[in-house]
PDB file of N, CA and C in Angstrom:
ATOM      1  N   UNK A   1      24.311  33.366  11.748  1.00  0.00           N
ATOM      2  CA  UNK A   1      25.295  32.852  10.520  1.00  0.00           C
ATOM      3  C   UNK A   1      26.473  33.670  10.524  1.00  0.00           C
ATOM      4  N   UNK A   2      26.295  35.052  10.752  1.00  0.00           N
ATOM      5  CA  UNK A   2      27.669  35.925  10.784  1.00  0.00           C
ATOM      6  C   UNK A   2      28.505  35.448  11.978  1.00  0.00           C
ATOM      7  N   UNK A   3      27.981  35.079  13.023  1.00  0.00           N
ATOM      8  CA  UNK A   3      28.822  34.611  14.199  1.00  0.00           C
ATOM      9  C   UNK A   3      29.682  33.277  13.847  1.00  0.00           C
ATOM     10  N   UNK A   4      29.290  32.374  13.065  1.00  0.00           N
ATOM     11  CA  UNK A   4      29.769  31.252  12.702  1.00  0.00           C
ATOM     12  C   UNK A   4      31.075  31.636  11.507  1.00  0.00           C
ATOM     13  N   UNK A   5      30.474  32.548  10.737  1.00  0.00           N
ATOM     14  CA  UNK A   5      31.528  32.999   9.572  1.00  0.00           C
ATOM     15  C   UNK A   5      32.847  33.766  10.410  1.00  0.00           C
ATOM     16  N   UNK A   6      32.604  34.597  11.535  1.00  0.00           N
ATOM     17  CA  UNK A   6      33.532  35.194  12.328  1.00  0.00           C
ATOM     18  C   UNK A   6      34.402  34.093  13.027  1.00  0.00           C
ATOM     19  N   UNK A   7      33.828  33.309  13.658  1.00  0.00           N
ATOM     20  CA  UNK A   7      34.619  32.226  14.446  1.00  0.00           C
ATOM     21  C   UNK A   7      35.479  31.361  13.665  1.00  0.00           C
ATOM     22  N   UNK A   8      34.813  31.074  12.169  1.00  0.00           N
ATOM     23  CA  UNK A   8      35.390  30.332  11.257  1.00  0.00           C
ATOM     24  C   UNK A   8      36.838  31.136  10.912  1.00  0.00           C
ATOM     25  N   UNK A   9      36.753  32.344  10.618  1.00  0.00           N
ATOM     26  CA  UNK A   9      37.917  32.991  10.210  1.00  0.00           C
ATOM     27  C   UNK A   9      38.911  33.101  11.447  1.00  0.00           C
ATOM     28  N   UNK A  10      38.595  33.095  12.596  1.00  0.00           N
ATOM     29  CA  UNK A  10      39.346  33.440  13.791  1.00  0.00           C
ATOM     30  C   UNK A  10      40.182  31.996  14.194  1.00  0.00           C
ATOM     31  N   UNK A  11      39.150  31.114  13.986  1.00  0.00           N
ATOM     32  CA  UNK A  11      39.826  29.778  14.556  1.00  0.00           C
ATOM     33  C   UNK A  11      40.657  28.948  13.541  1.00  0.00           C
ATOM     34  N   UNK A  12      40.711  29.408  12.188  1.00  0.00           N
ATOM     35  CA  UNK A  12      41.652  28.864  11.266  1.00  0.00           C
ATOM     36  C   UNK A  12      42.887  29.212  11.297  1.00  0.00           C
ATOM     37  N   UNK A  13      43.625  28.908  12.519  1.00  0.00           N
ATOM     38  CA  UNK A  13      44.928  29.423  12.873  1.00  0.00           C
ATOM     39  C   UNK A  13      45.766  28.075  12.809  1.00  0.00           C
ATOM     40  N   UNK A  14      47.029  28.283  12.692  1.00  0.00           N
ATOM     41  CA  UNK A  14      48.216  27.204  12.800  1.00  0.00           C
ATOM     42  C   UNK A  14      48.350  26.983  14.331  1.00  0.00           C
ATOM     43  N   UNK A  15      48.935  26.032  14.737  1.00  0.00           N
ATOM     44  CA  UNK A  15      49.058  25.635  15.955  1.00  0.00           C
ATOM     45  C   UNK A  15      50.318  26.260  16.719  1.00  0.00           C
ATOM     46  N   UNK A  16      51.072  26.947  15.901  1.00  0.00           N
ATOM     47  CA  UNK A  16      52.329  27.717  16.624  1.00  0.00           C
ATOM     48  C   UNK A  16      52.108  29.232  16.977  1.00  0.00           C
ATOM     49  N   UNK A  17      50.767  29.607  16.763  1.00  0.00           N
ATOM     50  CA  UNK A  17      50.602  31.141  17.043  1.00  0.00           C
ATOM     51  C   UNK A  17      50.095  31.305  18.530  1.00  0.00           C
ATOM     52  N   UNK A  18      50.607  32.623  18.833  1.00  0.00           N
ATOM     53  CA  UNK A  18      50.431  33.077  20.172  1.00  0.00           C
ATOM     54  C   UNK A  18      49.368  34.302  19.990  1.00  0.00           C
ATOM     55  N   UNK A  19      48.541  34.567  21.063  1.00  0.00           N
ATOM     56  CA  UNK A  19      47.598  35.543  20.956  1.00  0.00           C
ATOM     57  C   UNK A  19      47.912  36.538  22.217  1.00  0.00           C
ATOM     58  N   UNK A  20      47.904  37.815  22.119  1.00  0.00           N
ATOM     59  CA  UNK A  20      47.895  38.653  23.099  1.00  0.00           C
ATOM     60  C   UNK A  20      46.650  39.104  23.741  1.00  0.00           C
ATOM     61  N   UNK A  21      46.847  39.829  24.830  1.00  0.00           N
ATOM     62  CA  UNK A  21      45.461  40.124  25.617  1.00  0.00           C
ATOM     63  C   UNK A  21      44.953  41.308  24.917  1.00  0.00           C
ATOM     64  N   UNK A  22      45.339  41.884  23.829  1.00  0.00           N
ATOM     65  CA  UNK A  22      44.779  43.059  23.082  1.00  0.00           C
ATOM     66  C   UNK A  22      43.798  42.881  21.930  1.00  0.00           C
ATOM     67  N   UNK A  23      42.822  43.463  21.878  1.00  0.00           N
ATOM     68  CA  UNK A  23      41.957  43.498  20.674  1.00  0.00           C
ATOM     69  C   UNK A  23      42.130  45.068  20.132  1.00  0.00           C
ATOM     70  N   UNK A  24      41.819  44.949  18.765  1.00  0.00           N
ATOM     71  CA  UNK A  24      41.531  46.143  18.015  1.00  0.00           C
ATOM     72  C   UNK A  24      39.999  46.259  17.556  1.00  0.00           C
ATOM     73  N   UNK A  25      39.376  47.440  17.792  1.00  0.00           N
ATOM     74  CA  UNK A  25      38.150  47.458  17.373  1.00  0.00           C
ATOM     75  C   UNK A  25      38.052  48.679  16.423  1.00  0.00           C
ATOM     76  N   UNK A  26      37.066  48.710  15.513  1.00  0.00           N
ATOM     77  CA  UNK A  26      36.755  49.796  14.735  1.00  0.00           C
ATOM     78  C   UNK A  26      35.351  50.061  15.020  1.00  0.00           C
ATOM     79  N   UNK A  27      35.091  51.484  15.223  1.00  0.00           N
ATOM     80  CA  UNK A  27      33.858  52.147  15.479  1.00  0.00           C
ATOM     81  C   UNK A  27      33.640  53.536  15.265  1.00  0.00           C
ATOM     82  N   UNK A  28      32.589  54.101  14.619  1.00  0.00           N
ATOM     83  CA  UNK A  28      32.413  55.408  14.549  1.00  0.00           C
ATOM     84  C   UNK A  28      32.250  56.402  15.760  1.00  0.00           C
ATOM     85  N   UNK A  29      32.143  55.624  16.684  1.00  0.00           N
ATOM     86  CA  UNK A  29      31.863  56.412  18.116  1.00  0.00           C
ATOM     87  C   UNK A  29      33.127  57.074  18.612  1.00  0.00           C
ATOM     88  N   UNK A  30      33.227  57.818  19.532  1.00  0.00           N
ATOM     89  CA  UNK A  30      34.128  58.635  20.303  1.00  0.00           C
ATOM     90  C   UNK A  30      34.764  57.694  21.310  1.00  0.00           C
ATOM     91  N   UNK A  31      35.859  58.090  22.096  1.00  0.00           N
ATOM     92  CA  UNK A  31      36.501  57.561  22.987  1.00  0.00           C
ATOM     93  C   UNK A  31      35.617  57.248  24.169  1.00  0.00           C
ATOM     94  N   UNK A  32      34.867  58.127  24.569  1.00  0.00           N
ATOM     95  CA  UNK A  32      33.902  58.122  25.797  1.00  0.00           C
ATOM     96  C   UNK A  32      33.107  56.838  25.691  1.00  0.00           C
ATOM     97  N   UNK A  33      32.368  56.621  24.570  1.00  0.00           N
ATOM     98  CA  UNK A  33      31.685  55.267  24.118  1.00  0.00           C
ATOM     99  C   UNK A  33      32.498  54.085  24.193  1.00  0.00           C
ATOM    100  N   UNK A  34      33.679  54.083  23.496  1.00  0.00           N
ATOM    101  CA  UNK A  34      34.805  52.956  23.839  1.00  0.00           C
ATOM    102  C   UNK A  34      35.075  52.684  25.299  1.00  0.00           C
ATOM    103  N   UNK A  35      35.352  53.663  26.040  1.00  0.00           N
ATOM    104  CA  UNK A  35      35.589  53.453  27.337  1.00  0.00           C
ATOM    105  C   UNK A  35      34.481  52.603  27.959  1.00  0.00           C
ATOM    106  N   UNK A  36      33.204  53.338  27.682  1.00  0.00           N
ATOM    107  CA  UNK A  36      31.896  52.399  28.341  1.00  0.00           C
ATOM    108  C   UNK A  36      32.000  50.935  27.623  1.00  0.00           C
ATOM    109  N   UNK A  37      32.285  50.674  26.565  1.00  0.00           N
ATOM    110  CA  UNK A  37      32.161  49.280  26.082  1.00  0.00           C
ATOM    111  C   UNK A  37      33.287  48.567  26.525  1.00  0.00           C
ATOM    112  N   UNK A  38      34.370  49.007  26.752  1.00  0.00           N
ATOM    113  CA  UNK A  38      35.635  48.361  27.493  1.00  0.00           C
ATOM    114  C   UNK A  38      35.256  47.949  28.814  1.00  0.00           C
ATOM    115  N   UNK A  39      34.498  48.892  29.445  1.00  0.00           N
ATOM    116  CA  UNK A  39      34.336  48.532  31.132  1.00  0.00           C
ATOM    117  C   UNK A  39      33.299  47.437  30.908  1.00  0.00           C
ATOM    118  N   UNK A  40      32.459  47.446  30.189  1.00  0.00           N
ATOM    119  CA  UNK A  40      31.161  46.440  30.099  1.00  0.00           C
ATOM    120  C   UNK A  40      31.799  45.134  29.735  1.00  0.00           C
ATOM    121  N   UNK A  41      32.795  45.082  29.050  1.00  0.00           N
ATOM    122  CA  UNK A  41      33.384  43.687  28.608  1.00  0.00           C
ATOM    123  C   UNK A  41      34.696  43.180  29.347  1.00  0.00           C
ATOM    124  N   UNK A  42      35.071  43.956  30.360  1.00  0.00           N
ATOM    125  CA  UNK A  42      36.317  43.622  31.332  1.00  0.00           C
ATOM    126  C   UNK A  42      37.549  43.985  30.423  1.00  0.00           C
ATOM    127  N   UNK A  43      37.405  45.210  29.603  1.00  0.00           N
ATOM    128  CA  UNK A  43      38.391  45.598  28.768  1.00  0.00           C
ATOM    129  C   UNK A  43      38.987  46.971  29.370  1.00  0.00           C
ATOM    130  N   UNK A  44      40.167  47.425  29.025  1.00  0.00           N
ATOM    131  CA  UNK A  44      40.873  48.791  29.163  1.00  0.00           C
ATOM    132  C   UNK A  44      41.017  49.493  27.918  1.00  0.00           C
ATOM    133  N   UNK A  45      40.433  50.593  27.756  1.00  0.00           N
ATOM    134  CA  UNK A  45      40.708  51.189  26.488  1.00  0.00           C
ATOM    135  C   UNK A  45      41.990  51.680  26.564  1.00  0.00           C
ATOM    136  N   UNK A  46      42.990  51.197  25.658  1.00  0.00           N
ATOM    137  CA  UNK A  46      44.316  51.984  25.581  1.00  0.00           C
ATOM    138  C   UNK A  46      44.516  53.175  24.556  1.00  0.00           C
ATOM    139  N   UNK A  47      43.475  53.405  24.196  1.00  0.00           N
ATOM    140  CA  UNK A  47      43.349  54.710  23.195  1.00  0.00           C
ATOM    141  C   UNK A  47      43.201  54.273  21.666  1.00  0.00           C
ATOM    142  N   UNK A  48      43.262  55.505  21.154  1.00  0.00           N
ATOM    143  CA  UNK A  48      43.079  55.395  19.447  1.00  0.00           C
ATOM    144  C   UNK A  48      44.549  55.022  19.103  1.00  0.00           C
ATOM    145  N   UNK A  49      44.460  54.267  17.833  1.00  0.00           N
ATOM    146  CA  UNK A  49      45.556  53.834  17.160  1.00  0.00           C
ATOM    147  C   UNK A  49      46.188  54.891  16.340  1.00  0.00           C
ATOM    148  N   UNK A  50      47.126  55.676  16.725  1.00  0.00           N
ATOM    149  CA  UNK A  50      47.695  56.673  16.049  1.00  0.00           C
ATOM    150  C   UNK A  50      46.726  57.602  15.399  1.00  0.00           C
ATOM    151  N   UNK A  51      46.761  57.844  14.076  1.00  0.00           N
ATOM    152  CA  UNK A  51      46.056  58.851  13.528  1.00  0.00           C
ATOM    153  C   UNK A  51      44.734  58.221  12.769  1.00  0.00           C
ATOM    154  N   UNK A  52      44.730  56.992  13.236  1.00  0.00           N
ATOM    155  CA  UNK A  52      43.449  56.189  12.496  1.00  0.00           C
ATOM    156  C   UNK A  52      42.178  56.573  13.345  1.00  0.00           C
ATOM    157  N   UNK A  53      41.160  57.360  12.659  1.00  0.00           N
ATOM    158  CA  UNK A  53      40.118  57.613  13.286  1.00  0.00           C
ATOM    159  C   UNK A  53      39.287  56.354  13.586  1.00  0.00           C
ATOM    160  N   UNK A  54      38.667  56.222  14.644  1.00  0.00           N
ATOM    161  CA  UNK A  54      37.739  55.338  15.096  1.00  0.00           C
ATOM    162  C   UNK A  54      38.452  53.776  15.222  1.00  0.00           C
ATOM    163  N   UNK A  55      39.670  53.681  15.299  1.00  0.00           N
ATOM    164  CA  UNK A  55      40.502  52.564  15.533  1.00  0.00           C
ATOM    165  C   UNK A  55      40.941  52.492  17.180  1.00  0.00           C
ATOM    166  N   UNK A  56      40.606  51.617  17.924  1.00  0.00           N
ATOM    167  CA  UNK A  56      41.005  51.497  19.231  1.00  0.00           C
ATOM    168  C   UNK A  56      41.678  50.420  19.586  1.00  0.00           C
ATOM    169  N   UNK A  57      42.420  50.381  20.666  1.00  0.00           N
ATOM    170  CA  UNK A  57      43.309  49.171  21.140  1.00  0.00           C
ATOM    171  C   UNK A  57      42.566  49.020  22.597  1.00  0.00           C
ATOM    172  N   UNK A  58      42.106  47.704  22.862  1.00  0.00           N
ATOM    173  CA  UNK A  58      41.540  47.563  23.996  1.00  0.00           C
ATOM    174  C   UNK A  58      42.351  46.228  24.592  1.00  0.00           C
ATOM    175  N   UNK A  59      42.565  46.216  25.881  1.00  0.00           N
ATOM    176  CA  UNK A  59      43.488  45.297  26.665  1.00  0.00           C
ATOM    177  C   UNK A  59      42.627  44.642  27.709  1.00  0.00           C
ATOM    178  N   UNK A  60      42.490  43.269  27.805  1.00  0.00           N
ATOM    179  CA  UNK A  60      41.528  42.546  28.662  1.00  0.00           C
ATOM    180  C   UNK A  60      42.096  42.770  30.015  1.00  0.00           C
ATOM    181  N   UNK A  61      41.296  42.869  30.966  1.00  0.00           N
ATOM    182  CA  UNK A  61      41.815  42.983  32.228  1.00  0.00           C
ATOM    183  C   UNK A  61      42.342  41.508  32.807  1.00  0.00           C
ATOM    184  N   UNK A  62      41.624  40.382  32.619  1.00  0.00           N
ATOM    185  CA  UNK A  62      41.686  39.241  33.486  1.00  0.00           C
ATOM    186  C   UNK A  62      42.405  38.050  32.580  1.00  0.00           C
ATOM    187  N   UNK A  63      42.923  38.430  31.258  1.00  0.00           N
ATOM    188  CA  UNK A  63      43.732  37.434  30.529  1.00  0.00           C
ATOM    189  C   UNK A  63      45.216  38.019  30.369  1.00  0.00           C
ATOM    190  N   UNK A  64      46.109  36.944  30.720  1.00  0.00           N
ATOM    191  CA  UNK A  64      47.388  37.262  30.699  1.00  0.00           C
ATOM    192  C   UNK A  64      47.816  37.812  29.301  1.00  0.00           C
ATOM    193  N   UNK A  65      48.964  38.202  29.395  1.00  0.00           N
ATOM    194  CA  UNK A  65      49.603  39.000  28.108  1.00  0.00           C
ATOM    195  C   UNK A  65      49.728  37.992  26.796  1.00  0.00           C
ATOM    196  N   UNK A  66      49.796  36.762  27.177  1.00  0.00           N
ATOM    197  CA  UNK A  66      50.189  35.968  25.947  1.00  0.00           C
ATOM    198  C   UNK A  66      49.319  34.527  26.175  1.00  0.00           C
ATOM    199  N   UNK A  67      48.656  34.020  25.199  1.00  0.00           N
ATOM    200  CA  UNK A  67      47.894  32.695  25.329  1.00  0.00           C
ATOM    201  C   UNK A  67      48.237  32.024  23.892  1.00  0.00           C
ATOM    202  N   UNK A  68      47.899  30.717  24.113  1.00  0.00           N
ATOM    203  CA  UNK A  68      48.101  29.941  22.885  1.00  0.00           C
ATOM    204  C   UNK A  68      46.818  29.858  21.974  1.00  0.00           C
ATOM    205  N   UNK A  69      45.607  30.155  22.632  1.00  0.00           N
ATOM    206  CA  UNK A  69      44.546  30.103  21.862  1.00  0.00           C
ATOM    207  C   UNK A  69      43.724  31.290  21.759  1.00  0.00           C
ATOM    208  N   UNK A  70      42.977  31.653  20.567  1.00  0.00           N
ATOM    209  CA  UNK A  70      42.340  32.540  20.293  1.00  0.00           C
ATOM    210  C   UNK A  70      41.079  32.596  21.110  1.00  0.00           C
ATOM    211  N   UNK A  71      40.558  33.710  21.755  1.00  0.00           N
ATOM    212  CA  UNK A  71      39.418  33.871  22.442  1.00  0.00           C
ATOM    213  C   UNK A  71      38.209  34.392  21.579  1.00  0.00           C
ATOM    214  N   UNK A  72      37.725  33.570  20.803  1.00  0.00           N
ATOM    215  CA  UNK A  72      36.783  33.710  20.047  1.00  0.00           C
ATOM    216  C   UNK A  72      35.417  34.308  20.397  1.00  0.00           C
ATOM    217  N   UNK A  73      35.181  33.747  21.901  1.00  0.00           N
ATOM    218  CA  UNK A  73      33.785  34.348  22.609  1.00  0.00           C
ATOM    219  C   UNK A  73      34.107  35.891  22.917  1.00  0.00           C
ATOM    220  N   UNK A  74      35.246  36.432  23.232  1.00  0.00           N
ATOM    221  CA  UNK A  74      35.538  37.625  23.398  1.00  0.00           C
ATOM    222  C   UNK A  74      35.249  38.683  22.211  1.00  0.00           C
ATOM    223  N   UNK A  75      35.749  38.222  21.279  1.00  0.00           N
ATOM    224  CA  UNK A  75      35.725  38.834  19.726  1.00  0.00           C
ATOM    225  C   UNK A  75      34.354  38.987  19.447  1.00  0.00           C
ATOM    226  N   UNK A  76      33.406  37.847  19.746  1.00  0.00           N
ATOM    227  CA  UNK A  76      32.051  37.829  19.452  1.00  0.00           C
ATOM    228  C   UNK A  76      31.385  38.787  20.339  1.00  0.00           C
ATOM    229  N   UNK A  77      31.522  38.737  21.574  1.00  0.00           N
ATOM    230  CA  UNK A  77      31.038  39.740  22.437  1.00  0.00           C
ATOM    231  C   UNK A  77      31.152  41.130  22.019  1.00  0.00           C
ATOM    232  N   UNK A  78      32.413  41.582  21.552  1.00  0.00           N
ATOM    233  CA  UNK A  78      32.506  42.941  21.051  1.00  0.00           C
ATOM    234  C   UNK A  78      32.017  43.267  19.836  1.00  0.00           C
ATOM    235  N   UNK A  79      31.795  42.233  18.748  1.00  0.00           N
ATOM    236  CA  UNK A  79      31.108  42.289  17.518  1.00  0.00           C
ATOM    237  C   UNK A  79      29.436  42.426  17.822  1.00  0.00           C
ATOM    238  N   UNK A  80      29.139  42.137  18.937  1.00  0.00           N
ATOM    239  CA  UNK A  80      27.497  42.163  18.914  1.00  0.00           C
ATOM    240  C   UNK A  80      27.012  43.523  19.270  1.00  0.00           C
ATOM    241  N   UNK A  81      27.951  44.420  19.454  1.00  0.00           N
ATOM    242  CA  UNK A  81      27.611  45.818  19.697  1.00  0.00           C
ATOM    243  C   UNK A  81      27.328  46.425  18.510  1.00  0.00           C
ATOM    244  N   UNK A  82      26.376  47.159  18.401  1.00  0.00           N
ATOM    245  CA  UNK A  82      25.934  47.492  16.967  1.00  0.00           C
ATOM    246  C   UNK A  82      26.654  48.845  16.276  1.00  0.00           C
ATOM    247  N   UNK A  83      27.627  49.240  17.233  1.00  0.00           N
ATOM    248  CA  UNK A  83      28.504  50.301  16.567  1.00  0.00           C
ATOM    249  C   UNK A  83      30.065  49.943  16.275  1.00  0.00           C
ATOM    250  N   UNK A  84      30.059  48.530  16.731  1.00  0.00           N
ATOM    251  CA  UNK A  84      31.465  47.837  16.495  1.00  0.00           C
ATOM    252  C   UNK A  84      31.239  47.232  15.052  1.00  0.00           C
ATOM    253  N   UNK A  85      32.297  47.766  14.074  1.00  0.00           N
ATOM    254  CA  UNK A  85      32.115  47.261  12.861  1.00  0.00           C
ATOM    255  C   UNK A  85      33.298  46.321  12.459  1.00  0.00           C
ATOM    256  N   UNK A  86      34.250  46.075  13.413  1.00  0.00           N
ATOM    257  CA  UNK A  86      35.373  45.327  13.211  1.00  0.00           C
ATOM    258  C   UNK A  86      35.814  44.805  14.560  1.00  0.00           C
ATOM    259  N   UNK A  87      36.309  43.660  14.873  1.00  0.00           N
ATOM    260  CA  UNK A  87      36.949  43.485  16.317  1.00  0.00           C
ATOM    261  C   UNK A  87      38.032  42.265  15.882  1.00  0.00           C
ATOM    262  N   UNK A  88      39.172  42.325  16.385  1.00  0.00           N
ATOM    263  CA  UNK A  88      40.177  41.200  16.232  1.00  0.00           C
ATOM    264  C   UNK A  88      41.121  41.147  17.400  1.00  0.00           C
ATOM    265  N   UNK A  89      41.317  39.960  18.048  1.00  0.00           N
ATOM    266  CA  UNK A  89      42.515  39.768  18.947  1.00  0.00           C
ATOM    267  C   UNK A  89      43.634  39.755  18.307  1.00  0.00           C
ATOM    268  N   UNK A  90      44.696  40.199  18.693  1.00  0.00           N
ATOM    269  CA  UNK A  90      45.944  40.640  18.047  1.00  0.00           C
ATOM    270  C   UNK A  90      46.963  39.434  18.314  1.00  0.00           C
ATOM    271  N   UNK A  91      47.673  38.895  17.247  1.00  0.00           N
ATOM    272  CA  UNK A  91      48.582  37.823  17.324  1.00  0.00           C
ATOM    273  C   UNK A  91      49.825  38.458  17.446  1.00  0.00           C
ATOM    274  N   UNK A  92      50.580  37.470  18.143  1.00  0.00           N
ATOM    275  CA  UNK A  92      51.975  37.783  18.502  1.00  0.00           C
ATOM    276  C   UNK A  92      52.812  37.238  17.221  1.00  0.00           C
ATOM    277  N   UNK A  93      53.573  37.951  16.589  1.00  0.00           N
ATOM    278  CA  UNK A  93      54.248  37.275  15.393  1.00  0.00           C
ATOM    279  C   UNK A  93      55.525  36.955  15.710  1.00  0.00           C
ATOM    280  N   UNK A  94      56.289  36.056  15.104  1.00  0.00           N
ATOM    281  CA  UNK A  94      57.580  35.599  15.407  1.00  0.00           C
ATOM    282  C   UNK A  94      58.364  36.332  14.060  1.00  0.00           C
ATOM    283  N   UNK A  95      59.595  36.831  14.523  1.00  0.00           N
ATOM    284  CA  UNK A  95      60.470  37.584  13.676  1.00  0.00           C
ATOM    285  C   UNK A  95      61.517  36.680  13.193  1.00  0.00           C
ATOM    286  N   UNK A  96      61.928  36.577  11.976  1.00  0.00           N
ATOM    287  CA  UNK A  96      63.138  35.600  11.490  1.00  0.00           C
ATOM    288  C   UNK A  96      64.022  36.665  10.770  1.00  0.00           C
ATOM    289  N   UNK A  97      65.311  36.533  11.159  1.00  0.00           N
ATOM    290  CA  UNK A  97      66.284  37.232  10.565  1.00  0.00           C
ATOM    291  C   UNK A  97      66.455  36.681   9.140  1.00  0.00           C
ATOM    292  N   UNK A  98      66.564  37.448   8.118  1.00  0.00           N
ATOM    293  CA  UNK A  98      66.695  37.024   6.663  1.00  0.00           C
ATOM    294  C   UNK A  98      68.230  36.699   6.530  1.00  0.00           C
ATOM    295  N   UNK A  99      68.540  35.726   5.842  1.00  0.00           N
ATOM    296  CA  UNK A  99      70.005  35.546   5.381  1.00  0.00           C
ATOM    297  C   UNK A  99      70.242  36.586   4.125  1.00  0.00           C
ATOM    298  N   UNK A 100      71.533  36.710   4.009  1.00  0.00           N
ATOM    299  CA  UNK A 100      71.951  37.613   2.937  1.00  0.00           C
ATOM    300  C   UNK A 100      73.003  36.932   2.226  1.00  0.00           C
ATOM    301  N   UNK A 101      72.500  36.544   0.955  1.00  0.00           N
ATOM    302  CA  UNK A 101      73.293  35.756  -0.043  1.00  0.00           C
ATOM    303  C   UNK A 101      73.903  36.366  -1.114  1.00  0.00           C
ATOM    304  N   UNK A 102      74.197  37.547  -1.175  1.00  0.00           N
ATOM    305  CA  UNK A 102      74.790  38.272  -2.437  1.00  0.00           C
ATOM    306  C   UNK A 102      76.051  38.006  -2.337  1.00  0.00           C
ATOM    307  N   UNK A 103      76.542  37.336  -3.383  1.00  0.00           N
ATOM    308  CA  UNK A 103      78.098  37.068  -3.480  1.00  0.00           C
ATOM    309  C   UNK A 103      79.000  38.158  -3.867  1.00  0.00           C
ATOM    310  N   UNK A 104      78.310  39.241  -4.467  1.00  0.00           N
ATOM    311  CA  UNK A 104      79.108  40.578  -4.635  1.00  0.00           C
ATOM    312  C   UNK A 104      79.064  41.685  -3.610  1.00  0.00           C
ATOM    313  N   UNK A 105      78.231  41.214  -2.382  1.00  0.00           N
ATOM    314  CA  UNK A 105      78.115  42.239  -1.266  1.00  0.00           C
ATOM    315  C   UNK A 105      79.361  43.008  -0.852  1.00  0.00           C
ATOM    316  N   UNK A 106      80.555  42.366  -0.792  1.00  0.00           N
ATOM    317  CA  UNK A 106      81.775  42.899  -0.526  1.00  0.00           C
ATOM    318  C   UNK A 106      82.439  43.758  -1.499  1.00  0.00           C
ATOM    319  N   UNK A 107      81.981  43.624  -2.599  1.00  0.00           N
ATOM    320  CA  UNK A 107      82.494  44.350  -3.866  1.00  0.00           C
ATOM    321  C   UNK A 107      81.850  45.762  -4.255  1.00  0.00           C
ATOM    322  N   UNK A 108      80.696  46.065  -3.480  1.00  0.00           N
ATOM    323  CA  UNK A 108      79.819  47.313  -3.723  1.00  0.00           C
ATOM    324  C   UNK A 108      80.622  48.360  -3.170  1.00  0.00           C
ATOM    325  N   UNK A 109      80.966  49.416  -4.143  1.00  0.00           N
ATOM    326  CA  UNK A 109      81.891  50.632  -3.808  1.00  0.00           C
ATOM    327  C   UNK A 109      81.369  51.368  -2.733  1.00  0.00           C
ATOM    328  N   UNK A 110      79.967  51.479  -2.736  1.00  0.00           N
ATOM    329  CA  UNK A 110      79.244  52.337  -1.684  1.00  0.00           C
ATOM    330  C   UNK A 110      79.310  51.764  -0.288  1.00  0.00           C
ATOM    331  N   UNK A 111      79.637  50.483  -0.148  1.00  0.00           N
ATOM    332  CA  UNK A 111      79.692  49.883   1.233  1.00  0.00           C
ATOM    333  C   UNK A 111      81.157  49.877   1.558  1.00  0.00           C
ATOM    334  N   UNK A 112      81.959  50.192   0.923  1.00  0.00           N
ATOM    335  CA  UNK A 112      83.501  50.272   1.070  1.00  0.00           C
ATOM    336  C   UNK A 112      83.972  51.553   1.404  1.00  0.00           C
ATOM    337  N   UNK A 113      83.810  52.017   2.543  1.00  0.00           N
ATOM    338  CA  UNK A 113      84.085  53.508   2.780  1.00  0.00           C
ATOM    339  C   UNK A 113      85.411  53.621   3.376  1.00  0.00           C
ATOM    340  N   UNK A 114      86.272  54.030   2.327  1.00  0.00           N
ATOM    341  CA  UNK A 114      87.778  54.295   2.852  1.00  0.00           C
ATOM    342  C   UNK A 114      88.182  55.642   3.061  1.00  0.00           C
ATOM    343  N   UNK A 115      87.072  56.440   2.582  1.00  0.00           N
ATOM    344  CA  UNK A 115      87.251  57.845   2.786  1.00  0.00           C
ATOM    345  C   UNK A 115      87.778  58.586   1.507  1.00  0.00           C
ATOM    346  N   UNK A 116      88.037  57.911   0.518  1.00  0.00           N
ATOM    347  CA  UNK A 116      88.573  58.518  -0.689  1.00  0.00           C
ATOM    348  C   UNK A 116      87.613  58.364  -1.894  1.00  0.00           C
ATOM    349  N   UNK A 117      87.372  59.368  -2.455  1.00  0.00           N
ATOM    350  CA  UNK A 117      86.560  59.407  -3.785  1.00  0.00           C
ATOM    351  C   UNK A 117      87.549  59.308  -4.872  1.00  0.00           C
ATOM    352  N   UNK A 118      88.331  60.134  -4.832  1.00  0.00           N
ATOM    353  CA  UNK A 118      89.522  60.181  -5.912  1.00  0.00           C
ATOM    354  C   UNK A 118      90.687  60.410  -5.231  1.00  0.00           C
ATOM    355  N   UNK A 119      91.913  59.995  -5.822  1.00  0.00           N
ATOM    356  CA  UNK A 119      93.176  60.035  -5.062  1.00  0.00           C
ATOM    357  C   UNK A 119      93.426  61.532  -4.554  1.00  0.00           C
ATOM    358  N   UNK A 120      92.975  62.438  -5.037  1.00  0.00           N
ATOM    359  CA  UNK A 120      93.335  63.841  -4.493  1.00  0.00           C
ATOM    360  C   UNK A 120      92.167  64.266  -3.628  1.00  0.00           C
ATOM    361  N   UNK A 121      91.125  63.783  -3.377  1.00  0.00           N
ATOM    362  CA  UNK A 121      90.137  64.322  -2.812  1.00  0.00           C
ATOM    363  C   UNK A 121      89.601  63.268  -1.458  1.00  0.00           C
ATOM    364  N   UNK A 122      89.528  63.816  -0.432  1.00  0.00           N
ATOM    365  CA  UNK A 122      88.974  62.969   0.688  1.00  0.00           C
ATOM    366  C   UNK A 122      87.396  63.329   0.963  1.00  0.00           C
ATOM    367  N   UNK A 123      86.733  62.521   0.813  1.00  0.00           N
ATOM    368  CA  UNK A 123      85.242  62.482   1.111  1.00  0.00           C
ATOM    369  C   UNK A 123      84.733  61.243   1.953  1.00  0.00           C
ATOM    370  N   UNK A 124      83.965  61.869   3.074  1.00  0.00           N
ATOM    371  CA  UNK A 124      83.621  60.684   3.968  1.00  0.00           C
ATOM    372  C   UNK A 124      82.132  60.724   3.604  1.00  0.00           C
ATOM    373  N   UNK A 125      81.421  59.120   3.467  1.00  0.00           N
ATOM    374  CA  UNK A 125      80.198  58.856   3.213  1.00  0.00           C
ATOM    375  C   UNK A 125      79.439  58.897   4.760  1.00  0.00           C
ATOM    376  N   UNK A 126      80.081  58.947   5.768  1.00  0.00           N
ATOM    377  CA  UNK A 126      79.296  58.779   7.067  1.00  0.00           C
ATOM    378  C   UNK A 126      79.189  60.190   7.580  1.00  0.00           C
TER     379      UNK A 126
END
């Protein structure tokens, strides 16, 4: 039943998403165990994620860097390990530039750096 819940969560994606060849796993085990687990499932351990203890990034050896579909079977294989508490394939997110619509933007004094604070004093903000 747990496998169906995992695949339901993973496959409920919109059609415009891309996935990378990277997975994040969480385990209480050390890097040597993660190396063994990665090798067993055709992954390369890219190391611990920053200062997050037990969080590791794995990269699949045979999957290209970008794919349109999530690979649920790979995630399920990682989750079958008794010491892996979490596994997720990483999504590639699109970034959008936000519009700026403040009509008083040009009137804000701290953005208007003329170098003068008072008539008699020069002060540069930069």
